[in-house]
Amino acid sequence: MLPRLYAILDSENFPDTEALCLSASELIDGGVTLLQYRNKSGNAGQMLEEARELKRRLPNSVKLIMNDRADLCLAADFDGVHVGQDDLSPAGVRAVIGNSLWLGVSTHNPKELAEADKTAADYLAIGPVFPTLSKANPDPVIGLEGVRQARAMTRKPLVAIGGITRENCRSVIEAGADSVAVISDLIREPRKSAEEFFRILR
């Protein structure tokens, strides 16, 4: 169900919508088939505008996931929503988006993973696997052992996130993740970076 590479576009890394969309197009040229749009600082209007622009420009074959906001997922006609521990509950999200759209849930330890596994989530994310700069106050690093532990606890597709690069991604898949979520290592030369990820993760 999940592609090996789960690309995340964080709006903080781009000066404007145009730059964000160009990066998205390059990632898709590099083989990316699933993109999460993440915006932790914008207002709802701004987020919806950017999300709609992504939807308009990208081929329908690409799955678009909205970070945090179930309402904006629907308004932008995205394919799913991804929520964290402090967002709307998975049950609450399902009530908004229905059963046909994808729902992903972030977890950071065995307790959170066990709880999320009981929900209607389509896939679970676990991390941070390695130290990460993408979050101001990251949760404790779980390492490859944490990925192995998570794999043993759930049959749902598992996305590993946090500090994953071309150098270490293979080890994360070998530890049991179905997919690796990447932000930072896709920013420079998005197409070339994505192609290299897919080559390593084949």
N, C-alpha and C. Protein backbone atom coordinates (compact mmCIF):
# COMPACT_ATOMS: atom_id res chain seq x y z
N MET A 1 0.82 -1.21 0.00
CA MET A 1 0.00 0.00 0.00
C MET A 1 0.86 1.26 0.00
N LEU A 2 1.88 1.29 0.85
CA LEU A 2 2.72 2.49 0.93
C LEU A 2 3.94 2.36 0.03
N PRO A 3 4.30 3.45 -0.66
CA PRO A 3 5.55 3.41 -1.41
C PRO A 3 6.73 3.41 -0.43
N ARG A 4 7.89 2.96 -0.90
CA ARG A 4 9.08 2.93 -0.03
C ARG A 4 9.45 4.32 0.50
N LEU A 5 9.23 5.34 -0.33
CA LEU A 5 9.58 6.71 0.07
C LEU A 5 8.32 7.53 0.29
N TYR A 6 8.19 8.04 1.50
CA TYR A 6 7.06 8.88 1.90
C TYR A 6 7.62 10.30 2.01
N ALA A 7 7.43 11.09 0.95
CA ALA A 7 8.02 12.44 0.90
C ALA A 7 7.15 13.45 1.63
N ILE A 8 7.79 14.28 2.45
CA ILE A 8 7.07 15.33 3.17
C ILE A 8 7.56 16.70 2.72
N LEU A 9 6.62 17.52 2.27
CA LEU A 9 6.92 18.90 1.87
C LEU A 9 6.55 19.80 3.04
N ASP A 10 7.55 20.35 3.70
CA ASP A 10 7.30 21.25 4.82
C ASP A 10 7.40 22.68 4.31
N SER A 11 6.29 23.42 4.40
CA SER A 11 6.24 24.77 3.81
C SER A 11 7.32 25.70 4.38
N GLU A 12 7.80 25.39 5.60
CA GLU A 12 8.83 26.24 6.21
C GLU A 12 10.12 26.26 5.38
N ASN A 13 10.31 25.25 4.56
CA ASN A 13 11.54 25.15 3.78
C ASN A 13 11.47 25.89 2.44
N PHE A 14 10.34 26.54 2.18
CA PHE A 14 10.17 27.19 0.88
C PHE A 14 9.73 28.64 1.06
N PRO A 15 10.27 29.55 0.23
CA PRO A 15 9.93 30.97 0.39
C PRO A 15 8.50 31.30 -0.02
N ASP A 16 7.94 30.50 -0.95
CA ASP A 16 6.58 30.79 -1.41
C ASP A 16 5.94 29.54 -2.04
N THR A 17 4.70 29.69 -2.43
CA THR A 17 3.93 28.57 -3.00
C THR A 17 4.57 28.05 -4.28
N GLU A 18 5.09 28.95 -5.09
CA GLU A 18 5.71 28.56 -6.36
C GLU A 18 6.88 27.61 -6.12
N ALA A 19 7.74 27.97 -5.16
CA ALA A 19 8.90 27.14 -4.84
C ALA A 19 8.47 25.77 -4.31
N LEU A 20 7.42 25.77 -3.49
CA LEU A 20 6.87 24.53 -2.93
C LEU A 20 6.38 23.62 -4.06
N CYS A 21 5.63 24.20 -4.99
CA CYS A 21 5.06 23.40 -6.09
C CYS A 21 6.13 22.90 -7.05
N LEU A 22 7.16 23.72 -7.28
CA LEU A 22 8.25 23.28 -8.15
C LEU A 22 8.98 22.09 -7.54
N SER A 23 9.21 22.17 -6.23
CA SER A 23 9.87 21.06 -5.54
C SER A 23 9.01 19.80 -5.62
N ALA A 24 7.71 19.96 -5.43
CA ALA A 24 6.77 18.83 -5.52
C ALA A 24 6.84 18.18 -6.91
N SER A 25 6.85 19.01 -7.95
CA SER A 25 6.91 18.49 -9.32
C SER A 25 8.21 17.73 -9.57
N GLU A 26 9.31 18.27 -9.05
CA GLU A 26 10.61 17.60 -9.20
C GLU A 26 10.63 16.25 -8.49
N LEU A 27 10.03 16.21 -7.29
CA LEU A 27 9.98 14.95 -6.54
C LEU A 27 9.21 13.90 -7.34
N ILE A 28 8.13 14.33 -7.96
CA ILE A 28 7.31 13.39 -8.75
C ILE A 28 8.08 12.93 -9.98
N ASP A 29 8.83 13.84 -10.60
CA ASP A 29 9.69 13.44 -11.71
C ASP A 29 10.73 12.42 -11.27
N GLY A 30 11.09 12.47 -9.99
CA GLY A 30 12.06 11.53 -9.43
C GLY A 30 11.45 10.21 -8.97
N GLY A 31 10.12 10.06 -9.16
CA GLY A 31 9.47 8.79 -8.83
C GLY A 31 8.56 8.79 -7.62
N VAL A 32 8.44 9.93 -6.94
CA VAL A 32 7.59 9.99 -5.74
C VAL A 32 6.12 9.85 -6.13
N THR A 33 5.39 9.01 -5.40
CA THR A 33 3.96 8.79 -5.69
C THR A 33 3.07 9.17 -4.52
N LEU A 34 3.69 9.58 -3.40
CA LEU A 34 2.92 10.00 -2.23
C LEU A 34 3.63 11.19 -1.60
N LEU A 35 2.86 12.25 -1.36
CA LEU A 35 3.41 13.48 -0.79
C LEU A 35 2.56 13.94 0.38
N GLN A 36 3.21 14.28 1.48
CA GLN A 36 2.47 14.91 2.57
C GLN A 36 2.78 16.41 2.58
N TYR A 37 1.72 17.20 2.64
CA TYR A 37 1.89 18.65 2.76
C TYR A 37 1.80 19.01 4.23
N ARG A 38 2.86 19.66 4.71
CA ARG A 38 2.94 19.99 6.14
C ARG A 38 3.17 21.49 6.30
N ASN A 39 2.33 22.11 7.11
CA ASN A 39 2.48 23.54 7.39
C ASN A 39 2.10 23.79 8.84
N LYS A 40 3.11 23.97 9.68
CA LYS A 40 2.86 24.10 11.12
C LYS A 40 2.64 25.56 11.54
N SER A 41 2.92 26.50 10.64
CA SER A 41 2.87 27.90 11.08
C SER A 41 1.86 28.77 10.32
N GLY A 42 1.36 28.29 9.19
CA GLY A 42 0.46 29.11 8.39
C GLY A 42 -0.96 29.12 8.94
N ASN A 43 -1.75 30.08 8.49
CA ASN A 43 -3.16 30.06 8.88
C ASN A 43 -3.94 29.18 7.89
N ALA A 44 -5.17 28.87 8.23
CA ALA A 44 -5.96 27.92 7.44
C ALA A 44 -6.13 28.37 6.00
N GLY A 45 -6.34 29.67 5.80
CA GLY A 45 -6.54 30.18 4.45
C GLY A 45 -5.32 29.96 3.57
N GLN A 46 -4.16 30.28 4.15
CA GLN A 46 -2.88 30.10 3.45
C GLN A 46 -2.65 28.63 3.11
N MET A 47 -2.90 27.77 4.10
CA MET A 47 -2.69 26.34 3.92
C MET A 47 -3.60 25.79 2.81
N LEU A 48 -4.84 26.22 2.82
CA LEU A 48 -5.79 25.73 1.81
C LEU A 48 -5.38 26.18 0.42
N GLU A 49 -4.92 27.42 0.32
CA GLU A 49 -4.48 27.96 -0.97
C GLU A 49 -3.31 27.14 -1.53
N GLU A 50 -2.31 26.87 -0.67
CA GLU A 50 -1.15 26.09 -1.11
C GLU A 50 -1.55 24.66 -1.46
N ALA A 51 -2.40 24.09 -0.62
CA ALA A 51 -2.83 22.70 -0.84
C ALA A 51 -3.59 22.57 -2.16
N ARG A 52 -4.46 23.52 -2.43
CA ARG A 52 -5.24 23.49 -3.68
C ARG A 52 -4.33 23.66 -4.90
N GLU A 53 -3.31 24.49 -4.73
CA GLU A 53 -2.36 24.70 -5.84
C GLU A 53 -1.59 23.40 -6.12
N LEU A 54 -1.18 22.71 -5.06
CA LEU A 54 -0.51 21.41 -5.24
C LEU A 54 -1.44 20.44 -5.97
N LYS A 55 -2.67 20.39 -5.52
CA LYS A 55 -3.66 19.48 -6.12
C LYS A 55 -3.87 19.80 -7.60
N ARG A 56 -3.91 21.08 -7.91
CA ARG A 56 -4.15 21.52 -9.29
C ARG A 56 -2.99 21.15 -10.21
N ARG A 57 -1.78 21.27 -9.68
CA ARG A 57 -0.59 21.10 -10.53
C ARG A 57 -0.11 19.66 -10.67
N LEU A 58 -0.41 18.85 -9.68
CA LEU A 58 0.19 17.51 -9.67
C LEU A 58 -0.75 16.48 -10.31
N PRO A 59 -0.17 15.44 -10.90
CA PRO A 59 -1.04 14.41 -11.52
C PRO A 59 -1.91 13.69 -10.50
N ASN A 60 -3.07 13.24 -10.94
CA ASN A 60 -4.01 12.55 -10.04
C ASN A 60 -3.45 11.25 -9.48
N SER A 61 -2.43 10.72 -10.16
CA SER A 61 -1.84 9.45 -9.71
C SER A 61 -1.07 9.61 -8.40
N VAL A 62 -0.75 10.85 -8.03
CA VAL A 62 0.01 11.10 -6.80
C VAL A 62 -0.95 11.23 -5.62
N LYS A 63 -0.66 10.45 -4.56
CA LYS A 63 -1.49 10.55 -3.35
C LYS A 63 -1.04 11.75 -2.54
N LEU A 64 -1.98 12.62 -2.18
CA LEU A 64 -1.66 13.81 -1.38
C LEU A 64 -2.25 13.67 0.01
N ILE A 65 -1.38 13.83 1.01
CA ILE A 65 -1.78 13.68 2.41
C ILE A 65 -1.65 15.04 3.11
N MET A 66 -2.69 15.45 3.80
CA MET A 66 -2.67 16.70 4.57
C MET A 66 -2.21 16.42 6.00
N ASN A 67 -1.26 17.20 6.47
CA ASN A 67 -0.81 17.05 7.84
C ASN A 67 -1.78 17.76 8.79
N ASP A 68 -2.19 17.07 9.83
CA ASP A 68 -2.97 17.63 10.96
C ASP A 68 -4.45 17.94 10.69
N ARG A 69 -4.78 18.49 9.52
CA ARG A 69 -6.10 19.10 9.36
C ARG A 69 -7.06 18.29 8.49
N ALA A 70 -7.99 17.60 9.15
CA ALA A 70 -8.98 16.81 8.42
C ALA A 70 -9.89 17.70 7.58
N ASP A 71 -10.23 18.87 8.09
CA ASP A 71 -11.12 19.78 7.37
C ASP A 71 -10.48 20.27 6.07
N LEU A 72 -9.18 20.61 6.15
CA LEU A 72 -8.48 21.10 4.95
C LEU A 72 -8.21 19.97 3.96
N CYS A 73 -8.08 18.76 4.47
CA CYS A 73 -7.92 17.59 3.59
C CYS A 73 -9.12 17.51 2.66
N LEU A 74 -10.32 17.66 3.22
CA LEU A 74 -11.54 17.60 2.41
C LEU A 74 -11.66 18.81 1.49
N ALA A 75 -11.38 19.99 2.04
CA ALA A 75 -11.54 21.23 1.26
C ALA A 75 -10.60 21.27 0.07
N ALA A 76 -9.41 20.67 0.21
CA ALA A 76 -8.43 20.69 -0.88
C ALA A 76 -8.53 19.45 -1.77
N ASP A 77 -9.48 18.56 -1.42
CA ASP A 77 -9.68 17.32 -2.19
C ASP A 77 -8.42 16.43 -2.17
N PHE A 78 -7.81 16.32 -0.98
CA PHE A 78 -6.63 15.47 -0.80
C PHE A 78 -7.08 14.01 -0.60
N ASP A 79 -6.10 13.12 -0.59
CA ASP A 79 -6.40 11.68 -0.50
C ASP A 79 -6.35 11.13 0.92
N GLY A 80 -5.90 11.96 1.86
CA GLY A 80 -5.83 11.47 3.23
C GLY A 80 -5.29 12.52 4.17
N VAL A 81 -5.27 12.17 5.44
CA VAL A 81 -4.79 13.09 6.47
C VAL A 81 -3.90 12.33 7.44
N HIS A 82 -2.89 13.04 7.96
CA HIS A 82 -1.97 12.44 8.93
C HIS A 82 -2.01 13.26 10.21
N VAL A 83 -2.28 12.61 11.33
CA VAL A 83 -2.39 13.35 12.59
C VAL A 83 -1.36 12.88 13.62
N GLY A 84 -1.01 13.81 14.51
CA GLY A 84 -0.10 13.51 15.60
C GLY A 84 -0.87 13.23 16.88
N GLN A 85 -0.13 13.07 17.95
CA GLN A 85 -0.74 12.73 19.23
C GLN A 85 -1.58 13.86 19.82
N ASP A 86 -1.28 15.10 19.44
CA ASP A 86 -2.01 16.24 20.01
C ASP A 86 -3.10 16.77 19.10
N ASP A 87 -3.33 16.10 17.99
CA ASP A 87 -4.36 16.54 17.04
C ASP A 87 -5.68 15.83 17.32
N LEU A 88 -6.64 16.04 16.44
CA LEU A 88 -7.93 15.35 16.52
C LEU A 88 -7.68 13.84 16.58
N SER A 89 -8.47 13.13 17.38
CA SER A 89 -8.28 11.68 17.54
C SER A 89 -8.57 10.97 16.21
N PRO A 90 -8.00 9.77 16.01
CA PRO A 90 -8.30 9.03 14.78
C PRO A 90 -9.80 8.84 14.55
N ALA A 91 -10.53 8.57 15.63
CA ALA A 91 -11.99 8.40 15.49
C ALA A 91 -12.63 9.72 15.04
N GLY A 92 -12.15 10.82 15.61
CA GLY A 92 -12.65 12.14 15.22
C GLY A 92 -12.36 12.45 13.76
N VAL A 93 -11.16 12.09 13.33
CA VAL A 93 -10.78 12.31 11.92
C VAL A 93 -11.67 11.49 11.00
N ARG A 94 -11.87 10.22 11.34
CA ARG A 94 -12.73 9.35 10.52
C ARG A 94 -14.13 9.93 10.38
N ALA A 95 -14.62 10.53 11.47
CA ALA A 95 -15.96 11.13 11.45
C ALA A 95 -16.02 12.27 10.43
N VAL A 96 -14.88 12.93 10.23
CA VAL A 96 -14.83 14.05 9.28
C VAL A 96 -14.59 13.56 7.86
N ILE A 97 -13.62 12.67 7.68
CA ILE A 97 -13.19 12.31 6.31
C ILE A 97 -13.88 11.07 5.74
N GLY A 98 -14.61 10.32 6.59
CA GLY A 98 -15.26 9.11 6.11
C GLY A 98 -14.28 7.95 6.04
N ASN A 99 -14.70 6.87 5.40
CA ASN A 99 -13.89 5.65 5.41
C ASN A 99 -13.01 5.46 4.18
N SER A 100 -13.23 6.27 3.14
CA SER A 100 -12.50 6.00 1.89
C SER A 100 -11.13 6.68 1.83
N LEU A 101 -10.93 7.76 2.60
CA LEU A 101 -9.64 8.46 2.56
C LEU A 101 -8.65 7.84 3.54
N TRP A 102 -7.37 8.03 3.26
CA TRP A 102 -6.32 7.47 4.12
C TRP A 102 -6.19 8.24 5.42
N LEU A 103 -5.87 7.50 6.46
CA LEU A 103 -5.60 8.11 7.76
C LEU A 103 -4.32 7.52 8.34
N GLY A 104 -3.37 8.41 8.64
CA GLY A 104 -2.12 7.99 9.26
C GLY A 104 -1.98 8.62 10.64
N VAL A 105 -1.33 7.93 11.55
CA VAL A 105 -1.17 8.42 12.93
C VAL A 105 0.29 8.33 13.35
N SER A 106 0.81 9.43 13.90
CA SER A 106 2.19 9.45 14.41
C SER A 106 2.25 8.87 15.81
N THR A 107 3.25 8.04 16.06
CA THR A 107 3.49 7.49 17.39
C THR A 107 4.99 7.59 17.69
N HIS A 108 5.31 7.59 19.00
CA HIS A 108 6.71 7.81 19.39
C HIS A 108 7.24 6.78 20.38
N ASN A 109 6.38 5.88 20.82
CA ASN A 109 6.80 4.85 21.78
C ASN A 109 5.82 3.69 21.73
N PRO A 110 6.15 2.55 22.36
CA PRO A 110 5.28 1.37 22.29
C PRO A 110 3.85 1.62 22.78
N LYS A 111 3.69 2.43 23.81
CA LYS A 111 2.35 2.69 24.35
C LYS A 111 1.48 3.40 23.30
N GLU A 112 2.03 4.46 22.70
CA GLU A 112 1.27 5.19 21.68
C GLU A 112 0.98 4.31 20.47
N LEU A 113 1.95 3.48 20.10
CA LEU A 113 1.76 2.61 18.94
C LEU A 113 0.64 1.60 19.21
N ALA A 114 0.64 1.02 20.40
CA ALA A 114 -0.39 0.04 20.76
C ALA A 114 -1.78 0.67 20.71
N GLU A 115 -1.89 1.91 21.19
CA GLU A 115 -3.17 2.62 21.16
C GLU A 115 -3.60 2.90 19.72
N ALA A 116 -2.66 3.40 18.92
CA ALA A 116 -2.98 3.75 17.53
C ALA A 116 -3.34 2.52 16.71
N ASP A 117 -2.76 1.38 17.08
CA ASP A 117 -3.01 0.14 16.34
C ASP A 117 -4.48 -0.30 16.46
N LYS A 118 -5.13 0.13 17.54
CA LYS A 118 -6.54 -0.25 17.76
C LYS A 118 -7.50 0.65 16.99
N THR A 119 -6.99 1.72 16.40
CA THR A 119 -7.87 2.69 15.74
C THR A 119 -8.10 2.31 14.28
N ALA A 120 -8.84 3.17 13.59
CA ALA A 120 -9.13 2.96 12.17
C ALA A 120 -8.03 3.51 11.27
N ALA A 121 -6.85 3.75 11.82
CA ALA A 121 -5.74 4.26 11.01
C ALA A 121 -5.36 3.26 9.93
N ASP A 122 -5.03 3.76 8.73
CA ASP A 122 -4.59 2.88 7.63
C ASP A 122 -3.12 2.54 7.76
N TYR A 123 -2.35 3.45 8.33
CA TYR A 123 -0.92 3.19 8.55
C TYR A 123 -0.48 3.94 9.81
N LEU A 124 0.62 3.49 10.39
CA LEU A 124 1.17 4.11 11.59
C LEU A 124 2.57 4.62 11.31
N ALA A 125 2.91 5.77 11.89
CA ALA A 125 4.27 6.29 11.77
C ALA A 125 4.95 6.14 13.13
N ILE A 126 6.24 5.81 13.11
CA ILE A 126 7.02 5.66 14.35
C ILE A 126 8.31 6.46 14.22
N GLY A 127 8.68 7.15 15.29
CA GLY A 127 9.92 7.92 15.26
C GLY A 127 10.00 8.91 16.42
N PRO A 128 11.04 9.71 16.50
CA PRO A 128 12.12 9.80 15.52
C PRO A 128 13.11 8.64 15.64
N VAL A 129 13.46 8.08 14.47
CA VAL A 129 14.41 6.96 14.45
C VAL A 129 15.82 7.47 14.80
N PHE A 130 16.18 8.60 14.18
CA PHE A 130 17.48 9.24 14.42
C PHE A 130 17.25 10.68 14.85
N PRO A 131 18.27 11.36 15.37
CA PRO A 131 18.09 12.78 15.73
C PRO A 131 17.61 13.58 14.52
N THR A 132 16.68 14.50 14.76
CA THR A 132 16.08 15.26 13.66
C THR A 132 16.09 16.75 13.95
N LEU A 133 16.17 17.55 12.89
CA LEU A 133 16.13 19.01 13.03
C LEU A 133 14.78 19.57 12.58
N SER A 134 13.87 18.68 12.16
CA SER A 134 12.60 19.16 11.61
C SER A 134 11.58 19.53 12.67
N LYS A 135 11.88 19.22 13.93
CA LYS A 135 10.94 19.56 15.01
C LYS A 135 11.66 20.35 16.09
N ALA A 136 10.96 21.33 16.65
CA ALA A 136 11.56 22.17 17.69
C ALA A 136 11.83 21.36 18.96
N ASN A 137 10.84 20.55 19.37
CA ASN A 137 11.00 19.72 20.58
C ASN A 137 10.72 18.26 20.25
N PRO A 138 11.69 17.60 19.62
CA PRO A 138 11.43 16.22 19.19
C PRO A 138 11.30 15.25 20.35
N ASP A 139 10.57 14.18 20.13
CA ASP A 139 10.47 13.10 21.13
C ASP A 139 11.80 12.37 21.19
N PRO A 140 12.01 11.55 22.24
CA PRO A 140 13.27 10.80 22.35
C PRO A 140 13.49 9.88 21.14
N VAL A 141 14.73 9.82 20.70
CA VAL A 141 15.10 8.97 19.55
C VAL A 141 14.88 7.50 19.91
N ILE A 142 14.28 6.75 18.97
CA ILE A 142 13.97 5.33 19.25
C ILE A 142 15.00 4.37 18.65
N GLY A 143 15.76 4.85 17.65
CA GLY A 143 16.76 3.99 17.02
C GLY A 143 16.13 2.86 16.21
N LEU A 144 16.99 2.06 15.60
CA LEU A 144 16.51 0.93 14.78
C LEU A 144 15.80 -0.10 15.64
N GLU A 145 16.20 -0.21 16.89
CA GLU A 145 15.55 -1.16 17.80
C GLU A 145 14.09 -0.79 18.01
N GLY A 146 13.83 0.52 18.08
CA GLY A 146 12.45 1.00 18.21
C GLY A 146 11.60 0.65 17.00
N VAL A 147 12.22 0.67 15.82
CA VAL A 147 11.51 0.28 14.59
C VAL A 147 11.20 -1.21 14.63
N ARG A 148 12.18 -2.01 15.05
CA ARG A 148 11.95 -3.47 15.16
C ARG A 148 10.81 -3.78 16.14
N GLN A 149 10.84 -3.07 17.25
CA GLN A 149 9.81 -3.26 18.28
C GLN A 149 8.43 -2.91 17.73
N ALA A 150 8.36 -1.79 17.02
CA ALA A 150 7.09 -1.34 16.43
C ALA A 150 6.59 -2.37 15.41
N ARG A 151 7.51 -2.89 14.60
CA ARG A 151 7.12 -3.87 13.59
C ARG A 151 6.50 -5.11 14.23
N ALA A 152 7.05 -5.51 15.37
CA ALA A 152 6.55 -6.70 16.07
C ALA A 152 5.16 -6.46 16.68
N MET A 153 4.81 -5.18 16.86
CA MET A 153 3.56 -4.85 17.56
C MET A 153 2.36 -4.61 16.66
N THR A 154 2.60 -4.41 15.36
CA THR A 154 1.46 -4.08 14.49
C THR A 154 1.58 -4.76 13.14
N ARG A 155 0.41 -5.04 12.55
CA ARG A 155 0.38 -5.57 11.19
C ARG A 155 0.04 -4.47 10.19
N LYS A 156 -0.24 -3.29 10.71
CA LYS A 156 -0.53 -2.16 9.81
C LYS A 156 0.77 -1.70 9.14
N PRO A 157 0.67 -1.10 7.95
CA PRO A 157 1.86 -0.56 7.31
C PRO A 157 2.55 0.45 8.24
N LEU A 158 3.88 0.40 8.24
CA LEU A 158 4.67 1.19 9.19
C LEU A 158 5.58 2.16 8.45
N VAL A 159 5.44 3.45 8.79
CA VAL A 159 6.30 4.49 8.24
C VAL A 159 7.28 4.93 9.32
N ALA A 160 8.56 4.89 9.02
CA ALA A 160 9.56 5.38 9.97
C ALA A 160 9.92 6.81 9.61
N ILE A 161 10.11 7.65 10.63
CA ILE A 161 10.40 9.07 10.39
C ILE A 161 11.44 9.56 11.38
N GLY A 162 12.15 10.60 10.97
CA GLY A 162 13.09 11.25 11.88
C GLY A 162 14.54 11.02 11.53
N GLY A 163 15.16 12.02 10.91
CA GLY A 163 16.59 11.96 10.62
C GLY A 163 16.98 10.92 9.57
N ILE A 164 16.03 10.53 8.73
CA ILE A 164 16.33 9.48 7.74
C ILE A 164 16.93 10.11 6.48
N THR A 165 18.05 9.54 6.05
CA THR A 165 18.80 10.05 4.90
C THR A 165 19.10 8.91 3.92
N ARG A 166 19.72 9.25 2.81
CA ARG A 166 20.12 8.22 1.86
C ARG A 166 21.14 7.26 2.51
N GLU A 167 21.92 7.79 3.44
CA GLU A 167 22.96 6.97 4.08
C GLU A 167 22.36 5.88 4.99
N ASN A 168 21.26 6.20 5.67
CA ASN A 168 20.75 5.24 6.67
C ASN A 168 19.41 4.60 6.33
N CYS A 169 18.79 4.99 5.20
CA CYS A 169 17.41 4.53 4.93
C CYS A 169 17.29 3.02 4.76
N ARG A 170 18.31 2.41 4.16
CA ARG A 170 18.26 0.96 3.93
C ARG A 170 18.13 0.21 5.26
N SER A 171 18.88 0.67 6.25
CA SER A 171 18.86 -0.02 7.57
C SER A 171 17.49 0.09 8.23
N VAL A 172 16.77 1.18 7.93
CA VAL A 172 15.44 1.39 8.52
C VAL A 172 14.43 0.41 7.92
N ILE A 173 14.51 0.22 6.60
CA ILE A 173 13.64 -0.76 5.93
C ILE A 173 13.98 -2.17 6.43
N GLU A 174 15.26 -2.44 6.57
CA GLU A 174 15.67 -3.77 7.05
C GLU A 174 15.22 -4.03 8.48
N ALA A 175 15.02 -2.96 9.25
CA ALA A 175 14.54 -3.11 10.63
C ALA A 175 13.03 -3.35 10.69
N GLY A 176 12.35 -3.24 9.52
CA GLY A 176 10.93 -3.60 9.50
C GLY A 176 9.97 -2.54 9.00
N ALA A 177 10.47 -1.33 8.72
CA ALA A 177 9.57 -0.29 8.21
C ALA A 177 9.18 -0.60 6.77
N ASP A 178 7.94 -0.27 6.43
CA ASP A 178 7.48 -0.44 5.03
C ASP A 178 7.89 0.75 4.19
N SER A 179 8.06 1.90 4.86
CA SER A 179 8.28 3.15 4.15
C SER A 179 9.10 4.07 5.03
N VAL A 180 9.89 4.96 4.40
CA VAL A 180 10.64 5.96 5.17
C VAL A 180 10.12 7.35 4.82
N ALA A 181 9.82 8.14 5.84
CA ALA A 181 9.37 9.52 5.63
C ALA A 181 10.59 10.43 5.68
N VAL A 182 10.70 11.28 4.68
CA VAL A 182 11.89 12.13 4.56
C VAL A 182 11.48 13.58 4.28
N ILE A 183 12.11 14.50 5.01
CA ILE A 183 11.91 15.94 4.75
C ILE A 183 13.23 16.54 4.26
N SER A 184 14.20 16.61 5.16
CA SER A 184 15.43 17.37 4.91
C SER A 184 16.25 16.86 3.74
N ASP A 185 16.37 15.55 3.60
CA ASP A 185 17.26 15.00 2.58
C ASP A 185 16.64 15.02 1.18
N LEU A 186 15.48 15.66 1.05
CA LEU A 186 14.86 15.81 -0.28
C LEU A 186 14.84 17.27 -0.73
N ILE A 187 15.32 18.18 0.13
CA ILE A 187 15.18 19.61 -0.17
C ILE A 187 16.11 20.04 -1.30
N ARG A 188 17.36 19.65 -1.23
CA ARG A 188 18.31 20.02 -2.28
C ARG A 188 18.20 19.02 -3.43
N GLU A 189 18.10 19.53 -4.64
CA GLU A 189 17.98 18.68 -5.83
C GLU A 189 16.93 17.58 -5.63
N PRO A 190 15.66 17.98 -5.48
CA PRO A 190 14.60 17.01 -5.14
C PRO A 190 14.52 15.80 -6.07
N ARG A 191 14.61 16.05 -7.37
CA ARG A 191 14.46 14.92 -8.31
C ARG A 191 15.60 13.91 -8.14
N LYS A 192 16.82 14.42 -8.13
CA LYS A 192 17.99 13.55 -8.01
C LYS A 192 17.97 12.81 -6.66
N SER A 193 17.61 13.53 -5.61
CA SER A 193 17.56 12.92 -4.27
C SER A 193 16.54 11.79 -4.23
N ALA A 194 15.35 12.04 -4.79
CA ALA A 194 14.29 11.01 -4.81
C ALA A 194 14.75 9.79 -5.60
N GLU A 195 15.35 10.04 -6.76
CA GLU A 195 15.82 8.92 -7.59
C GLU A 195 16.83 8.06 -6.83
N GLU A 196 17.72 8.74 -6.09
CA GLU A 196 18.74 8.00 -5.32
C GLU A 196 18.10 7.18 -4.20
N PHE A 197 17.11 7.77 -3.53
CA PHE A 197 16.39 7.02 -2.49
C PHE A 197 15.79 5.73 -3.07
N PHE A 198 15.11 5.87 -4.21
CA PHE A 198 14.46 4.70 -4.81
C PHE A 198 15.48 3.65 -5.25
N ARG A 199 16.63 4.12 -5.72
CA ARG A 199 17.68 3.18 -6.12
C ARG A 199 18.16 2.38 -4.91
N ILE A 200 18.33 3.08 -3.80
CA ILE A 200 18.84 2.42 -2.56
C ILE A 200 17.76 1.50 -1.97
N LEU A 201 16.50 1.90 -2.08
CA LEU A 201 15.41 1.18 -1.40
C LEU A 201 14.78 0.09 -2.26
N ARG A 202 15.26 -0.11 -3.47
CA ARG A 202 14.68 -1.12 -4.35
C ARG A 202 14.66 -2.49 -3.70
